[in-house]
Amino acid sequence: MSKKDLTRKVANMKARIAELEPLVKRDPLKKHPQIHEELEKLKKGLQEV
């Protein structure tokens, strides 16, 4: 993967995390577990990159 592709991937992940965090904060009882799972997956993926 080129450096440009990697930079774009990281930027997309950060943007999606920024979208999901307010949704997760408004759902403390985890009535929508898919958004919680996606956020955790993105955060873990961001740490690996």
N, C-alpha and C. Protein backbone atom coordinates (compact mmCIF):
# COMPACT_ATOMS: atom_id res chain seq x y z
N MET A 1 0.85 -1.17 0.00
CA MET A 1 0.00 0.00 0.00
C MET A 1 0.90 1.24 0.00
N SER A 2 0.61 2.17 -0.87
CA SER A 2 1.43 3.36 -0.96
C SER A 2 1.17 4.29 0.23
N LYS A 3 2.08 5.22 0.41
CA LYS A 3 1.95 6.15 1.52
C LYS A 3 0.69 7.02 1.35
N LYS A 4 0.37 7.38 0.13
CA LYS A 4 -0.82 8.19 -0.13
C LYS A 4 -2.09 7.40 0.22
N ASP A 5 -2.12 6.12 -0.16
CA ASP A 5 -3.27 5.28 0.16
C ASP A 5 -3.42 5.11 1.67
N LEU A 6 -2.31 4.93 2.34
CA LEU A 6 -2.33 4.76 3.79
C LEU A 6 -2.84 6.03 4.48
N THR A 7 -2.38 7.18 4.01
CA THR A 7 -2.83 8.46 4.57
C THR A 7 -4.32 8.64 4.36
N ARG A 8 -4.81 8.29 3.19
CA ARG A 8 -6.23 8.41 2.89
C ARG A 8 -7.05 7.47 3.76
N LYS A 9 -6.55 6.24 3.95
CA LYS A 9 -7.25 5.26 4.77
C LYS A 9 -7.36 5.75 6.22
N VAL A 10 -6.29 6.28 6.76
CA VAL A 10 -6.28 6.79 8.13
C VAL A 10 -7.24 7.97 8.25
N ALA A 11 -7.24 8.86 7.27
CA ALA A 11 -8.13 10.02 7.30
C ALA A 11 -9.59 9.58 7.26
N ASN A 12 -9.90 8.59 6.45
CA ASN A 12 -11.27 8.08 6.38
C ASN A 12 -11.69 7.43 7.69
N MET A 13 -10.77 6.71 8.31
CA MET A 13 -11.08 6.07 9.59
C MET A 13 -11.34 7.13 10.67
N LYS A 14 -10.52 8.17 10.70
CA LYS A 14 -10.70 9.23 11.69
C LYS A 14 -12.01 9.97 11.47
N ALA A 15 -12.38 10.19 10.22
CA ALA A 15 -13.64 10.86 9.92
C ALA A 15 -14.83 10.02 10.38
N ARG A 16 -14.78 8.72 10.14
CA ARG A 16 -15.87 7.83 10.55
C ARG A 16 -15.96 7.76 12.08
N ILE A 17 -14.82 7.75 12.75
CA ILE A 17 -14.80 7.75 14.21
C ILE A 17 -15.45 9.03 14.73
N ALA A 18 -15.15 10.16 14.10
CA ALA A 18 -15.75 11.43 14.51
C ALA A 18 -17.26 11.42 14.31
N GLU A 19 -17.75 10.72 13.30
CA GLU A 19 -19.19 10.60 13.07
C GLU A 19 -19.85 9.71 14.13
N LEU A 20 -19.17 8.63 14.50
CA LEU A 20 -19.78 7.65 15.39
C LEU A 20 -19.74 8.04 16.87
N GLU A 21 -18.73 8.78 17.30
CA GLU A 21 -18.60 9.08 18.72
C GLU A 21 -19.82 9.79 19.31
N PRO A 22 -20.40 10.80 18.64
CA PRO A 22 -21.61 11.41 19.23
C PRO A 22 -22.78 10.42 19.31
N LEU A 23 -22.88 9.53 18.34
CA LEU A 23 -23.96 8.54 18.36
C LEU A 23 -23.79 7.58 19.53
N VAL A 24 -22.56 7.18 19.77
CA VAL A 24 -22.28 6.25 20.87
C VAL A 24 -22.54 6.93 22.21
N LYS A 25 -22.19 8.20 22.33
CA LYS A 25 -22.42 8.91 23.59
C LYS A 25 -23.90 9.06 23.90
N ARG A 26 -24.72 9.14 22.85
CA ARG A 26 -26.16 9.26 23.05
C ARG A 26 -26.83 7.90 23.26
N ASP A 27 -26.05 6.83 23.20
CA ASP A 27 -26.60 5.48 23.35
C ASP A 27 -25.85 4.73 24.45
N PRO A 28 -25.93 5.20 25.70
CA PRO A 28 -25.16 4.55 26.77
C PRO A 28 -25.65 3.14 27.12
N LEU A 29 -26.90 2.83 26.81
CA LEU A 29 -27.43 1.51 27.15
C LEU A 29 -27.16 0.47 26.05
N LYS A 30 -26.49 0.89 25.00
CA LYS A 30 -26.11 0.02 23.87
C LYS A 30 -27.32 -0.65 23.23
N LYS A 31 -28.34 0.16 22.96
CA LYS A 31 -29.51 -0.36 22.26
C LYS A 31 -29.19 -0.61 20.79
N HIS A 32 -28.14 0.03 20.29
CA HIS A 32 -27.68 -0.17 18.92
C HIS A 32 -26.24 -0.69 18.98
N PRO A 33 -26.06 -1.97 19.23
CA PRO A 33 -24.70 -2.49 19.43
C PRO A 33 -23.81 -2.40 18.19
N GLN A 34 -24.40 -2.33 17.00
CA GLN A 34 -23.58 -2.29 15.79
C GLN A 34 -22.72 -1.02 15.72
N ILE A 35 -23.22 0.11 16.21
CA ILE A 35 -22.39 1.32 16.16
C ILE A 35 -21.27 1.25 17.19
N HIS A 36 -21.53 0.62 18.32
CA HIS A 36 -20.48 0.44 19.33
C HIS A 36 -19.39 -0.49 18.81
N GLU A 37 -19.80 -1.57 18.15
CA GLU A 37 -18.83 -2.52 17.59
C GLU A 37 -18.00 -1.88 16.49
N GLU A 38 -18.66 -1.11 15.62
CA GLU A 38 -17.93 -0.46 14.52
C GLU A 38 -16.92 0.54 15.06
N LEU A 39 -17.29 1.29 16.08
CA LEU A 39 -16.38 2.27 16.67
C LEU A 39 -15.16 1.58 17.27
N GLU A 40 -15.38 0.51 18.00
CA GLU A 40 -14.26 -0.23 18.60
C GLU A 40 -13.36 -0.81 17.52
N LYS A 41 -13.95 -1.34 16.46
CA LYS A 41 -13.18 -1.91 15.36
C LYS A 41 -12.32 -0.84 14.67
N LEU A 42 -12.89 0.33 14.46
CA LEU A 42 -12.15 1.42 13.83
C LEU A 42 -11.02 1.91 14.72
N LYS A 43 -11.28 2.04 16.01
CA LYS A 43 -10.23 2.49 16.93
C LYS A 43 -9.09 1.48 16.99
N LYS A 44 -9.44 0.20 17.00
CA LYS A 44 -8.40 -0.83 17.03
C LYS A 44 -7.61 -0.81 15.71
N GLY A 45 -8.28 -0.65 14.60
CA GLY A 45 -7.62 -0.57 13.30
C GLY A 45 -6.71 0.63 13.20
N LEU A 46 -7.12 1.73 13.78
CA LEU A 46 -6.31 2.96 13.76
C LEU A 46 -5.03 2.77 14.58
N GLN A 47 -5.12 2.03 15.66
CA GLN A 47 -3.94 1.78 16.48
C GLN A 47 -2.94 0.87 15.77
N GLU A 48 -3.45 -0.03 14.94
CA GLU A 48 -2.57 -0.97 14.25
C GLU A 48 -1.82 -0.31 13.11
N VAL A 49 -2.39 0.75 12.54
CA VAL A 49 -1.77 1.43 11.40
C VAL A 49 -0.73 2.37 11.86
